[in-house]
PDB file of all heavy atoms in Angstrom:
ATOM      1  N   LEU A   1     -10.311 -27.274 -27.289  1.00  0.00           N
ATOM      2  CA  LEU A   1     -11.068 -26.243 -26.601  1.00  0.00           C
ATOM      3  C   LEU A   1     -12.227 -25.768 -27.398  1.00  0.00           C
ATOM      4  O   LEU A   1     -13.354 -25.534 -27.012  1.00  0.00           O
ATOM      5  CB  LEU A   1     -10.145 -25.092 -26.196  1.00  0.00           C
ATOM      6  CG  LEU A   1      -9.227 -25.339 -25.063  1.00  0.00           C
ATOM      7  CD1 LEU A   1      -8.194 -24.139 -24.985  1.00  0.00           C
ATOM      8  CD2 LEU A   1      -9.939 -25.497 -23.794  1.00  0.00           C
ATOM      9  N   THR A   2     -12.023 -25.633 -28.703  1.00  0.00           N
ATOM     10  CA  THR A   2     -13.048 -25.165 -29.656  1.00  0.00           C
ATOM     11  C   THR A   2     -14.191 -26.208 -29.681  1.00  0.00           C
ATOM     12  O   THR A   2     -15.468 -25.847 -29.568  1.00  0.00           O
ATOM     13  CB  THR A   2     -12.535 -24.927 -31.020  1.00  0.00           C
ATOM     14  OG1 THR A   2     -11.530 -23.947 -31.096  1.00  0.00           O
ATOM     15  CG2 THR A   2     -13.654 -24.579 -32.019  1.00  0.00           C
ATOM     16  N   LEU A   3     -13.890 -27.516 -29.799  1.00  0.00           N
ATOM     17  CA  LEU A   3     -14.891 -28.535 -29.788  1.00  0.00           C
ATOM     18  C   LEU A   3     -15.680 -28.567 -28.431  1.00  0.00           C
ATOM     19  O   LEU A   3     -16.898 -28.718 -28.489  1.00  0.00           O
ATOM     20  CB  LEU A   3     -14.162 -29.891 -30.058  1.00  0.00           C
ATOM     21  CG  LEU A   3     -13.588 -30.087 -31.382  1.00  0.00           C
ATOM     22  CD1 LEU A   3     -12.861 -31.462 -31.453  1.00  0.00           C
ATOM     23  CD2 LEU A   3     -14.645 -30.079 -32.509  1.00  0.00           C
ATOM     24  N   TYR A   4     -14.959 -28.418 -27.398  1.00  0.00           N
ATOM     25  CA  TYR A   4     -15.625 -28.462 -26.082  1.00  0.00           C
ATOM     26  C   TYR A   4     -16.518 -27.238 -25.910  1.00  0.00           C
ATOM     27  O   TYR A   4     -17.596 -27.306 -25.310  1.00  0.00           O
ATOM     28  CB  TYR A   4     -14.628 -28.546 -24.987  1.00  0.00           C
ATOM     29  CG  TYR A   4     -14.121 -29.981 -24.700  1.00  0.00           C
ATOM     30  CD1 TYR A   4     -14.141 -30.989 -25.665  1.00  0.00           C
ATOM     31  CD2 TYR A   4     -13.703 -30.378 -23.407  1.00  0.00           C
ATOM     32  CE1 TYR A   4     -13.741 -32.232 -25.494  1.00  0.00           C
ATOM     33  CE2 TYR A   4     -13.350 -31.733 -23.101  1.00  0.00           C
ATOM     34  CZ  TYR A   4     -13.290 -32.600 -24.184  1.00  0.00           C
ATOM     35  OH  TYR A   4     -12.896 -33.835 -23.884  1.00  0.00           O
ATOM     36  N   ALA A   5     -16.066 -26.026 -26.286  1.00  0.00           N
ATOM     37  CA  ALA A   5     -16.874 -24.853 -26.286  1.00  0.00           C
ATOM     38  C   ALA A   5     -18.185 -25.006 -27.042  1.00  0.00           C
ATOM     39  O   ALA A   5     -19.173 -24.592 -26.632  1.00  0.00           O
ATOM     40  CB  ALA A   5     -16.082 -23.671 -26.793  1.00  0.00           C
ATOM     41  N   ASP A   6     -18.081 -25.551 -28.276  1.00  0.00           N
ATOM     42  CA  ASP A   6     -19.222 -25.811 -29.110  1.00  0.00           C
ATOM     43  C   ASP A   6     -20.182 -26.761 -28.372  1.00  0.00           C
ATOM     44  O   ASP A   6     -21.369 -26.601 -28.428  1.00  0.00           O
ATOM     45  CB  ASP A   6     -18.845 -26.461 -30.413  1.00  0.00           C
ATOM     46  CG  ASP A   6     -18.161 -25.379 -31.391  1.00  0.00           C
ATOM     47  OD1 ASP A   6     -18.274 -24.113 -31.071  1.00  0.00           O
ATOM     48  OD2 ASP A   6     -17.507 -25.768 -32.408  1.00  0.00           O
ATOM     49  N   ALA A   7     -19.636 -27.823 -27.772  1.00  0.00           N
ATOM     50  CA  ALA A   7     -20.449 -28.818 -27.059  1.00  0.00           C
ATOM     51  C   ALA A   7     -21.146 -28.191 -25.872  1.00  0.00           C
ATOM     52  O   ALA A   7     -22.317 -28.458 -25.653  1.00  0.00           O
ATOM     53  CB  ALA A   7     -19.583 -29.976 -26.663  1.00  0.00           C
ATOM     54  N   LEU A   8     -20.404 -27.363 -25.116  1.00  0.00           N
ATOM     55  CA  LEU A   8     -21.045 -26.694 -24.024  1.00  0.00           C
ATOM     56  C   LEU A   8     -22.105 -25.683 -24.383  1.00  0.00           C
ATOM     57  O   LEU A   8     -23.065 -25.441 -23.694  1.00  0.00           O
ATOM     58  CB  LEU A   8     -19.989 -26.073 -23.090  1.00  0.00           C
ATOM     59  CG  LEU A   8     -19.061 -27.108 -22.417  1.00  0.00           C
ATOM     60  CD1 LEU A   8     -17.879 -26.434 -21.774  1.00  0.00           C
ATOM     61  CD2 LEU A   8     -19.833 -27.958 -21.388  1.00  0.00           C
ATOM     62  N   ALA A   9     -21.863 -25.033 -25.575  1.00  0.00           N
ATOM     63  CA  ALA A   9     -22.919 -24.206 -26.163  1.00  0.00           C
ATOM     64  C   ALA A   9     -24.186 -24.967 -26.390  1.00  0.00           C
ATOM     65  O   ALA A   9     -25.369 -24.403 -26.130  1.00  0.00           O
ATOM     66  CB  ALA A   9     -22.393 -23.525 -27.403  1.00  0.00           C
ATOM     67  N   LYS A  10     -24.068 -26.135 -26.911  1.00  0.00           N
ATOM     68  CA  LYS A  10     -25.300 -27.008 -27.130  1.00  0.00           C
ATOM     69  C   LYS A  10     -25.887 -27.332 -25.853  1.00  0.00           C
ATOM     70  O   LYS A  10     -27.209 -27.393 -25.710  1.00  0.00           O
ATOM     71  CB  LYS A  10     -24.868 -28.284 -27.921  1.00  0.00           C
ATOM     72  CG  LYS A  10     -24.449 -28.060 -29.431  1.00  0.00           C
ATOM     73  CD  LYS A  10     -24.178 -29.411 -30.043  1.00  0.00           C
ATOM     74  CE  LYS A  10     -23.815 -29.262 -31.504  1.00  0.00           C
ATOM     75  NZ  LYS A  10     -22.502 -28.715 -31.689  1.00  0.00           N
ATOM     76  N   LEU A  11     -25.111 -27.687 -24.784  1.00  0.00           N
ATOM     77  CA  LEU A  11     -25.684 -28.027 -23.489  1.00  0.00           C
ATOM     78  C   LEU A  11     -26.444 -26.862 -22.924  1.00  0.00           C
ATOM     79  O   LEU A  11     -27.581 -27.076 -22.497  1.00  0.00           O
ATOM     80  CB  LEU A  11     -24.555 -28.484 -22.595  1.00  0.00           C
ATOM     81  CG  LEU A  11     -24.962 -28.741 -21.157  1.00  0.00           C
ATOM     82  CD1 LEU A  11     -25.864 -29.914 -20.967  1.00  0.00           C
ATOM     83  CD2 LEU A  11     -23.684 -28.894 -20.287  1.00  0.00           C
ATOM     84  N   GLN A  12     -25.867 -25.689 -23.036  1.00  0.00           N
ATOM     85  CA  GLN A  12     -26.505 -24.496 -22.499  1.00  0.00           C
ATOM     86  C   GLN A  12     -27.835 -24.204 -23.283  1.00  0.00           C
ATOM     87  O   GLN A  12     -28.828 -23.859 -22.597  1.00  0.00           O
ATOM     88  CB  GLN A  12     -25.609 -23.278 -22.628  1.00  0.00           C
ATOM     89  CG  GLN A  12     -26.112 -21.983 -22.059  1.00  0.00           C
ATOM     90  CD  GLN A  12     -25.123 -20.916 -21.977  1.00  0.00           C
ATOM     91  OE1 GLN A  12     -24.179 -21.000 -21.202  1.00  0.00           O
ATOM     92  NE2 GLN A  12     -25.226 -19.961 -22.835  1.00  0.00           N
ATOM     93  N   SER A  13     -27.804 -24.402 -24.535  1.00  0.00           N
ATOM     94  CA  SER A  13     -28.997 -24.217 -25.407  1.00  0.00           C
ATOM     95  C   SER A  13     -30.063 -25.161 -25.015  1.00  0.00           C
ATOM     96  O   SER A  13     -31.287 -24.753 -24.857  1.00  0.00           O
ATOM     97  CB  SER A  13     -28.657 -24.383 -26.876  1.00  0.00           C
ATOM     98  OG  SER A  13     -29.797 -24.149 -27.647  1.00  0.00           O
ATOM     99  N   PHE A  14     -29.726 -26.369 -24.797  1.00  0.00           N
ATOM    100  CA  PHE A  14     -30.734 -27.388 -24.418  1.00  0.00           C
ATOM    101  C   PHE A  14     -31.348 -27.077 -23.020  1.00  0.00           C
ATOM    102  O   PHE A  14     -32.575 -27.159 -22.862  1.00  0.00           O
ATOM    103  CB  PHE A  14     -30.105 -28.800 -24.388  1.00  0.00           C
ATOM    104  CG  PHE A  14     -29.948 -29.440 -25.719  1.00  0.00           C
ATOM    105  CD1 PHE A  14     -28.714 -30.068 -25.986  1.00  0.00           C
ATOM    106  CD2 PHE A  14     -30.917 -29.452 -26.632  1.00  0.00           C
ATOM    107  CE1 PHE A  14     -28.516 -30.658 -27.192  1.00  0.00           C
ATOM    108  CE2 PHE A  14     -30.729 -30.006 -27.935  1.00  0.00           C
ATOM    109  CZ  PHE A  14     -29.485 -30.607 -28.170  1.00  0.00           C
ATOM    110  N   ALA A  15     -30.459 -26.713 -22.075  1.00  0.00           N
ATOM    111  CA  ALA A  15     -30.903 -26.407 -20.736  1.00  0.00           C
ATOM    112  C   ALA A  15     -31.828 -25.168 -20.740  1.00  0.00           C
ATOM    113  O   ALA A  15     -32.859 -25.172 -19.959  1.00  0.00           O
ATOM    114  CB  ALA A  15     -29.730 -26.141 -19.846  1.00  0.00           C
ATOM    115  N   ARG A  16     -31.543 -24.219 -21.470  1.00  0.00           N
ATOM    116  CA  ARG A  16     -32.403 -22.949 -21.537  1.00  0.00           C
ATOM    117  C   ARG A  16     -33.720 -23.257 -22.159  1.00  0.00           C
ATOM    118  O   ARG A  16     -34.750 -22.813 -21.715  1.00  0.00           O
ATOM    119  CB  ARG A  16     -31.659 -21.897 -22.278  1.00  0.00           C
ATOM    120  CG  ARG A  16     -30.559 -21.319 -21.444  1.00  0.00           C
ATOM    121  CD  ARG A  16     -29.788 -20.152 -22.280  1.00  0.00           C
ATOM    122  NE  ARG A  16     -28.817 -19.467 -21.375  1.00  0.00           N
ATOM    123  CZ  ARG A  16     -27.986 -18.600 -21.860  1.00  0.00           C
ATOM    124  NH1 ARG A  16     -27.854 -18.389 -23.102  1.00  0.00           N
ATOM    125  NH2 ARG A  16     -27.158 -17.999 -20.981  1.00  0.00           N
ATOM    126  N   ALA A  17     -33.699 -24.154 -23.261  1.00  0.00           N
ATOM    127  CA  ALA A  17     -34.954 -24.514 -23.927  1.00  0.00           C
ATOM    128  C   ALA A  17     -35.851 -25.287 -22.949  1.00  0.00           C
ATOM    129  O   ALA A  17     -37.112 -25.102 -22.952  1.00  0.00           O
ATOM    130  CB  ALA A  17     -34.707 -25.260 -25.110  1.00  0.00           C
ATOM    131  N   ALA A  18     -35.253 -26.062 -22.048  1.00  0.00           N
ATOM    132  CA  ALA A  18     -36.008 -26.809 -21.107  1.00  0.00           C
ATOM    133  C   ALA A  18     -36.222 -26.083 -19.799  1.00  0.00           C
ATOM    134  O   ALA A  18     -36.977 -26.498 -18.891  1.00  0.00           O
ATOM    135  CB  ALA A  18     -35.198 -28.132 -20.747  1.00  0.00           C
ATOM    136  N   ARG A  19     -35.747 -24.856 -19.738  1.00  0.00           N
ATOM    137  CA  ARG A  19     -35.938 -24.039 -18.556  1.00  0.00           C
ATOM    138  C   ARG A  19     -35.446 -24.696 -17.324  1.00  0.00           C
ATOM    139  O   ARG A  19     -36.217 -24.677 -16.284  1.00  0.00           O
ATOM    140  CB  ARG A  19     -37.363 -23.556 -18.425  1.00  0.00           C
ATOM    141  CG  ARG A  19     -37.856 -22.647 -19.604  1.00  0.00           C
ATOM    142  CD  ARG A  19     -39.241 -22.211 -19.511  1.00  0.00           C
ATOM    143  NE  ARG A  19     -39.653 -21.430 -20.592  1.00  0.00           N
ATOM    144  CZ  ARG A  19     -40.915 -20.790 -20.668  1.00  0.00           C
ATOM    145  NH1 ARG A  19     -41.711 -21.049 -19.705  1.00  0.00           N
ATOM    146  NH2 ARG A  19     -41.201 -20.067 -21.736  1.00  0.00           N
ATOM    147  N   VAL A  20     -34.350 -25.302 -17.401  1.00  0.00           N
ATOM    148  CA  VAL A  20     -33.673 -25.989 -16.227  1.00  0.00           C
ATOM    149  C   VAL A  20     -32.315 -25.501 -16.023  1.00  0.00           C
ATOM    150  O   VAL A  20     -31.517 -25.268 -17.026  1.00  0.00           O
ATOM    151  CB  VAL A  20     -33.693 -27.488 -16.503  1.00  0.00           C
ATOM    152  CG1 VAL A  20     -32.867 -27.902 -17.727  1.00  0.00           C
ATOM    153  CG2 VAL A  20     -33.168 -28.269 -15.248  1.00  0.00           C
ATOM    154  N   PRO A  21     -31.940 -25.049 -14.789  1.00  0.00           N
ATOM    155  CA  PRO A  21     -30.546 -24.599 -14.552  1.00  0.00           C
ATOM    156  C   PRO A  21     -29.590 -25.726 -14.877  1.00  0.00           C
ATOM    157  O   PRO A  21     -29.868 -26.917 -14.628  1.00  0.00           O
ATOM    158  CB  PRO A  21     -30.599 -24.300 -13.024  1.00  0.00           C
ATOM    159  CG  PRO A  21     -32.021 -24.078 -12.640  1.00  0.00           C
ATOM    160  CD  PRO A  21     -32.787 -25.034 -13.606  1.00  0.00           C
ATOM    161  N   LEU A  22     -28.380 -25.373 -15.228  1.00  0.00           N
ATOM    162  CA  LEU A  22     -27.301 -26.406 -15.738  1.00  0.00           C
ATOM    163  C   LEU A  22     -27.089 -27.262 -14.467  1.00  0.00           C
ATOM    164  O   LEU A  22     -26.823 -28.409 -14.574  1.00  0.00           O
ATOM    165  CB  LEU A  22     -26.107 -25.732 -16.122  1.00  0.00           C
ATOM    166  CG  LEU A  22     -26.105 -25.228 -17.537  1.00  0.00           C
ATOM    167  CD1 LEU A  22     -24.870 -24.393 -17.827  1.00  0.00           C
ATOM    168  CD2 LEU A  22     -26.300 -26.240 -18.559  1.00  0.00           C
ATOM    169  N   ARG A  23     -27.035 -26.714 -13.256  1.00  0.00           N
ATOM    170  CA  ARG A  23     -26.715 -27.496 -12.060  1.00  0.00           C
ATOM    171  C   ARG A  23     -27.874 -28.467 -11.674  1.00  0.00           C
ATOM    172  O   ARG A  23     -27.672 -29.370 -10.871  1.00  0.00           O
ATOM    173  CB  ARG A  23     -26.446 -26.606 -10.942  1.00  0.00           C
ATOM    174  CG  ARG A  23     -25.156 -25.695 -11.029  1.00  0.00           C
ATOM    175  CD  ARG A  23     -24.900 -24.966  -9.851  1.00  0.00           C
ATOM    176  NE  ARG A  23     -23.807 -23.972 -10.003  1.00  0.00           N
ATOM    177  CZ  ARG A  23     -23.291 -23.179  -9.067  1.00  0.00           C
ATOM    178  NH1 ARG A  23     -23.859 -23.275  -7.798  1.00  0.00           N
ATOM    179  NH2 ARG A  23     -22.334 -22.346  -9.322  1.00  0.00           N
ATOM    180  N   ALA A  24     -28.996 -28.313 -12.336  1.00  0.00           N
ATOM    181  CA  ALA A  24     -30.201 -29.168 -11.969  1.00  0.00           C
ATOM    182  C   ALA A  24     -30.522 -30.225 -13.016  1.00  0.00           C
ATOM    183  O   ALA A  24     -31.549 -30.881 -12.991  1.00  0.00           O
ATOM    184  CB  ALA A  24     -31.409 -28.368 -11.694  1.00  0.00           C
ATOM    185  N   VAL A  25     -29.594 -30.315 -14.065  1.00  0.00           N
ATOM    186  CA  VAL A  25     -29.898 -31.182 -15.171  1.00  0.00           C
ATOM    187  C   VAL A  25     -29.868 -32.650 -14.660  1.00  0.00           C
ATOM    188  O   VAL A  25     -29.052 -33.048 -13.858  1.00  0.00           O
ATOM    189  CB  VAL A  25     -28.852 -31.011 -16.339  1.00  0.00           C
ATOM    190  CG1 VAL A  25     -28.848 -32.144 -17.345  1.00  0.00           C
ATOM    191  CG2 VAL A  25     -29.061 -29.654 -17.031  1.00  0.00           C
ATOM    192  N   GLU A  26     -30.761 -33.442 -15.190  1.00  0.00           N
ATOM    193  CA  GLU A  26     -30.907 -34.883 -14.823  1.00  0.00           C
ATOM    194  C   GLU A  26     -30.526 -35.776 -16.022  1.00  0.00           C
ATOM    195  O   GLU A  26     -30.526 -35.372 -17.197  1.00  0.00           O
ATOM    196  CB  GLU A  26     -32.257 -35.187 -14.336  1.00  0.00           C
ATOM    197  CG  GLU A  26     -32.722 -34.397 -13.137  1.00  0.00           C
ATOM    198  CD  GLU A  26     -34.094 -34.738 -12.655  1.00  0.00           C
ATOM    199  OE1 GLU A  26     -34.859 -35.414 -13.424  1.00  0.00           O
ATOM    200  OE2 GLU A  26     -34.504 -34.215 -11.601  1.00  0.00           O
ATOM    201  N   ILE A  27     -30.240 -37.023 -15.649  1.00  0.00           N
ATOM    202  CA  ILE A  27     -29.772 -38.015 -16.678  1.00  0.00           C
ATOM    203  C   ILE A  27     -30.749 -38.196 -17.789  1.00  0.00           C
ATOM    204  O   ILE A  27     -30.427 -38.292 -19.008  1.00  0.00           O
ATOM    205  CB  ILE A  27     -29.405 -39.362 -16.085  1.00  0.00           C
ATOM    206  CG1 ILE A  27     -28.702 -40.210 -17.079  1.00  0.00           C
ATOM    207  CG2 ILE A  27     -30.599 -39.981 -15.380  1.00  0.00           C
ATOM    208  CD1 ILE A  27     -28.029 -41.477 -16.455  1.00  0.00           C
ATOM    209  N   ALA A  28     -32.066 -38.215 -17.436  1.00  0.00           N
ATOM    210  CA  ALA A  28     -33.040 -38.394 -18.508  1.00  0.00           C
ATOM    211  C   ALA A  28     -33.046 -37.280 -19.504  1.00  0.00           C
ATOM    212  O   ALA A  28     -33.230 -37.506 -20.742  1.00  0.00           O
ATOM    213  CB  ALA A  28     -34.446 -38.492 -17.865  1.00  0.00           C
ATOM    214  N   GLN A  29     -32.793 -36.057 -19.115  1.00  0.00           N
ATOM    215  CA  GLN A  29     -32.649 -34.898 -19.990  1.00  0.00           C
ATOM    216  C   GLN A  29     -31.460 -35.127 -20.891  1.00  0.00           C
ATOM    217  O   GLN A  29     -31.513 -34.745 -22.094  1.00  0.00           O
ATOM    218  CB  GLN A  29     -32.642 -33.666 -19.219  1.00  0.00           C
ATOM    219  CG  GLN A  29     -33.920 -33.329 -18.465  1.00  0.00           C
ATOM    220  CD  GLN A  29     -33.816 -32.217 -17.446  1.00  0.00           C
ATOM    221  OE1 GLN A  29     -32.790 -32.195 -16.721  1.00  0.00           O
ATOM    222  NE2 GLN A  29     -34.839 -31.394 -17.401  1.00  0.00           N
ATOM    223  N   VAL A  30     -30.338 -35.469 -20.352  1.00  0.00           N
ATOM    224  CA  VAL A  30     -29.106 -35.702 -21.120  1.00  0.00           C
ATOM    225  C   VAL A  30     -29.322 -36.749 -22.151  1.00  0.00           C
ATOM    226  O   VAL A  30     -28.875 -36.490 -23.348  1.00  0.00           O
ATOM    227  CB  VAL A  30     -27.932 -36.074 -20.164  1.00  0.00           C
ATOM    228  CG1 VAL A  30     -26.654 -36.412 -20.989  1.00  0.00           C
ATOM    229  CG2 VAL A  30     -27.598 -34.955 -19.259  1.00  0.00           C
ATOM    230  N   ARG A  31     -29.981 -37.764 -21.836  1.00  0.00           N
ATOM    231  CA  ARG A  31     -30.306 -38.872 -22.855  1.00  0.00           C
ATOM    232  C   ARG A  31     -31.115 -38.281 -23.969  1.00  0.00           C
ATOM    233  O   ARG A  31     -30.907 -38.568 -25.130  1.00  0.00           O
ATOM    234  CB  ARG A  31     -31.007 -40.014 -22.210  1.00  0.00           C
ATOM    235  CG  ARG A  31     -30.202 -40.818 -21.162  1.00  0.00           C
ATOM    236  CD  ARG A  31     -30.866 -42.050 -20.776  1.00  0.00           C
ATOM    237  NE  ARG A  31     -30.175 -42.774 -19.667  1.00  0.00           N
ATOM    238  CZ  ARG A  31     -29.055 -43.590 -19.854  1.00  0.00           C
ATOM    239  NH1 ARG A  31     -28.680 -43.821 -21.071  1.00  0.00           N
ATOM    240  NH2 ARG A  31     -28.614 -44.154 -18.869  1.00  0.00           N
ATOM    241  N   ARG A  32     -32.202 -37.465 -23.673  1.00  0.00           N
ATOM    242  CA  ARG A  32     -33.013 -36.899 -24.693  1.00  0.00           C
ATOM    243  C   ARG A  32     -32.172 -35.966 -25.589  1.00  0.00           C
ATOM    244  O   ARG A  32     -32.398 -35.916 -26.788  1.00  0.00           O
ATOM    245  CB  ARG A  32     -34.154 -36.180 -23.988  1.00  0.00           C
ATOM    246  CG  ARG A  32     -35.298 -37.044 -23.532  1.00  0.00           C
ATOM    247  CD  ARG A  32     -36.594 -36.224 -23.291  1.00  0.00           C
ATOM    248  NE  ARG A  32     -36.436 -35.103 -22.365  1.00  0.00           N
ATOM    249  CZ  ARG A  32     -36.621 -35.295 -21.043  1.00  0.00           C
ATOM    250  NH1 ARG A  32     -37.016 -36.496 -20.519  1.00  0.00           N
ATOM    251  NH2 ARG A  32     -36.426 -34.296 -20.231  1.00  0.00           N
ATOM    252  N   TRP A  33     -31.339 -35.189 -24.957  1.00  0.00           N
ATOM    253  CA  TRP A  33     -30.496 -34.272 -25.762  1.00  0.00           C
ATOM    254  C   TRP A  33     -29.523 -34.949 -26.654  1.00  0.00           C
ATOM    255  O   TRP A  33     -29.336 -34.593 -27.809  1.00  0.00           O
ATOM    256  CB  TRP A  33     -29.806 -33.288 -24.802  1.00  0.00           C
ATOM    257  CG  TRP A  33     -30.779 -32.413 -23.972  1.00  0.00           C
ATOM    258  CD1 TRP A  33     -32.081 -32.264 -24.301  1.00  0.00           C
ATOM    259  CD2 TRP A  33     -30.454 -31.750 -22.774  1.00  0.00           C
ATOM    260  NE1 TRP A  33     -32.612 -31.384 -23.246  1.00  0.00           N
ATOM    261  CE2 TRP A  33     -31.669 -31.154 -22.375  1.00  0.00           C
ATOM    262  CE3 TRP A  33     -29.312 -31.655 -21.945  1.00  0.00           C
ATOM    263  CZ2 TRP A  33     -31.746 -30.381 -21.201  1.00  0.00           C
ATOM    264  CZ3 TRP A  33     -29.449 -30.843 -20.827  1.00  0.00           C
ATOM    265  CH2 TRP A  33     -30.627 -30.271 -20.421  1.00  0.00           C
ATOM    266  N   ALA A  34     -29.012 -36.042 -26.164  1.00  0.00           N
ATOM    267  CA  ALA A  34     -28.038 -36.790 -26.998  1.00  0.00           C
ATOM    268  C   ALA A  34     -28.887 -37.453 -28.163  1.00  0.00           C
ATOM    269  O   ALA A  34     -28.273 -37.485 -29.248  1.00  0.00           O
ATOM    270  CB  ALA A  34     -27.368 -37.863 -26.141  1.00  0.00           C
ATOM    271  N   ALA A  35     -30.066 -37.845 -27.895  1.00  0.00           N
ATOM    272  CA  ALA A  35     -30.866 -38.486 -28.952  1.00  0.00           C
ATOM    273  C   ALA A  35     -31.274 -37.370 -29.968  1.00  0.00           C
ATOM    274  O   ALA A  35     -31.315 -37.674 -31.154  1.00  0.00           O
ATOM    275  CB  ALA A  35     -32.122 -39.089 -28.349  1.00  0.00           C
ATOM    276  N   HIS A  36     -31.508 -36.237 -29.471  1.00  0.00           N
ATOM    277  CA  HIS A  36     -31.822 -35.079 -30.365  1.00  0.00           C
ATOM    278  C   HIS A  36     -30.697 -34.808 -31.262  1.00  0.00           C
ATOM    279  O   HIS A  36     -30.860 -34.521 -32.461  1.00  0.00           O
ATOM    280  CB  HIS A  36     -32.164 -33.858 -29.499  1.00  0.00           C
ATOM    281  CG  HIS A  36     -32.599 -32.682 -30.387  1.00  0.00           C
ATOM    282  ND1 HIS A  36     -33.816 -32.606 -31.051  1.00  0.00           N
ATOM    283  CD2 HIS A  36     -31.995 -31.531 -30.715  1.00  0.00           C
ATOM    284  CE1 HIS A  36     -33.957 -31.500 -31.760  1.00  0.00           C
ATOM    285  NE2 HIS A  36     -32.828 -30.805 -31.503  1.00  0.00           N
ATOM    286  N   LEU A  37     -29.483 -34.790 -30.785  1.00  0.00           N
ATOM    287  CA  LEU A  37     -28.256 -34.551 -31.611  1.00  0.00           C
ATOM    288  C   LEU A  37     -28.157 -35.652 -32.728  1.00  0.00           C
ATOM    289  O   LEU A  37     -27.871 -35.334 -33.865  1.00  0.00           O
ATOM    290  CB  LEU A  37     -26.919 -34.603 -30.752  1.00  0.00           C
ATOM    291  CG  LEU A  37     -26.851 -33.362 -29.779  1.00  0.00           C
ATOM    292  CD1 LEU A  37     -25.536 -33.621 -28.958  1.00  0.00           C
ATOM    293  CD2 LEU A  37     -26.771 -32.106 -30.436  1.00  0.00           C
ATOM    294  N   HIS A  38     -28.443 -36.925 -32.247  1.00  0.00           N
ATOM    295  CA  HIS A  38     -28.475 -37.974 -33.200  1.00  0.00           C
ATOM    296  C   HIS A  38     -29.515 -37.782 -34.272  1.00  0.00           C
ATOM    297  O   HIS A  38     -29.257 -38.062 -35.518  1.00  0.00           O
ATOM    298  CB  HIS A  38     -28.631 -39.248 -32.498  1.00  0.00           C
ATOM    299  CG  HIS A  38     -28.493 -40.566 -33.362  1.00  0.00           C
ATOM    300  ND1 HIS A  38     -27.373 -40.849 -34.159  1.00  0.00           N
ATOM    301  CD2 HIS A  38     -29.393 -41.520 -33.663  1.00  0.00           C
ATOM    302  CE1 HIS A  38     -27.589 -41.914 -34.801  1.00  0.00           C
ATOM    303  NE2 HIS A  38     -28.746 -42.418 -34.522  1.00  0.00           N
ATOM    304  N   ALA A  39     -30.753 -37.331 -33.890  1.00  0.00           N
ATOM    305  CA  ALA A  39     -31.778 -37.156 -34.875  1.00  0.00           C
ATOM    306  C   ALA A  39     -31.412 -35.982 -35.883  1.00  0.00           C
ATOM    307  O   ALA A  39     -31.933 -35.993 -36.984  1.00  0.00           O
ATOM    308  CB  ALA A  39     -33.080 -36.868 -34.163  1.00  0.00           C
ATOM    309  N   GLN A  40     -30.663 -35.106 -35.410  1.00  0.00           N
ATOM    310  CA  GLN A  40     -30.194 -33.993 -36.277  1.00  0.00           C
ATOM    311  C   GLN A  40     -29.172 -34.372 -37.275  1.00  0.00           C
ATOM    312  O   GLN A  40     -28.814 -33.647 -38.166  1.00  0.00           O
ATOM    313  CB  GLN A  40     -29.672 -32.813 -35.391  1.00  0.00           C
ATOM    314  CG  GLN A  40     -30.746 -32.040 -34.593  1.00  0.00           C
ATOM    315  CD  GLN A  40     -30.105 -30.911 -33.854  1.00  0.00           C
ATOM    316  OE1 GLN A  40     -29.034 -31.016 -33.288  1.00  0.00           O
ATOM    317  NE2 GLN A  40     -30.867 -29.803 -33.767  1.00  0.00           N
ATOM    318  N   GLY A  41     -28.723 -35.664 -37.164  1.00  0.00           N
ATOM    319  CA  GLY A  41     -27.717 -36.119 -38.099  1.00  0.00           C
ATOM    320  C   GLY A  41     -26.250 -35.960 -37.625  1.00  0.00           C
ATOM    321  O   GLY A  41     -25.356 -36.204 -38.456  1.00  0.00           O
ATOM    322  N   LEU A  42     -26.113 -35.660 -36.373  1.00  0.00           N
ATOM    323  CA  LEU A  42     -24.706 -35.451 -35.947  1.00  0.00           C
ATOM    324  C   LEU A  42     -24.085 -36.834 -35.802  1.00  0.00           C
ATOM    325  O   LEU A  42     -24.713 -37.831 -35.389  1.00  0.00           O
ATOM    326  CB  LEU A  42     -24.710 -34.893 -34.516  1.00  0.00           C
ATOM    327  CG  LEU A  42     -23.360 -34.151 -34.029  1.00  0.00           C
ATOM    328  CD1 LEU A  42     -23.052 -32.987 -34.916  1.00  0.00           C
ATOM    329  CD2 LEU A  42     -23.558 -33.668 -32.672  1.00  0.00           C
ATOM    330  N   ALA A  43     -22.838 -37.006 -36.235  1.00  0.00           N
ATOM    331  CA  ALA A  43     -22.077 -38.332 -36.335  1.00  0.00           C
ATOM    332  C   ALA A  43     -21.923 -38.832 -34.900  1.00  0.00           C
ATOM    333  O   ALA A  43     -21.747 -38.030 -33.960  1.00  0.00           O
ATOM    334  CB  ALA A  43     -20.813 -38.092 -37.053  1.00  0.00           C
ATOM    335  N   PRO A  44     -21.890 -40.121 -34.742  1.00  0.00           N
ATOM    336  CA  PRO A  44     -21.674 -40.783 -33.425  1.00  0.00           C
ATOM    337  C   PRO A  44     -20.385 -40.166 -32.781  1.00  0.00           C
ATOM    338  O   PRO A  44     -20.304 -40.050 -31.551  1.00  0.00           O
ATOM    339  CB  PRO A  44     -21.603 -42.261 -33.757  1.00  0.00           C
ATOM    340  CG  PRO A  44     -22.462 -42.409 -34.952  1.00  0.00           C
ATOM    341  CD  PRO A  44     -22.241 -41.212 -35.744  1.00  0.00           C
TER     342      PRO A  44
END
């Protein structure tokens, strides 16, 4: 639960920065956010 809460916090942060409602998120945005996590050095 702690890991999932942290992950959802990241999702909410990305969505707010992109000014997009969570229910309107698209796959291209998810790909960019995953790539951003990778660029930050987060382990696979």
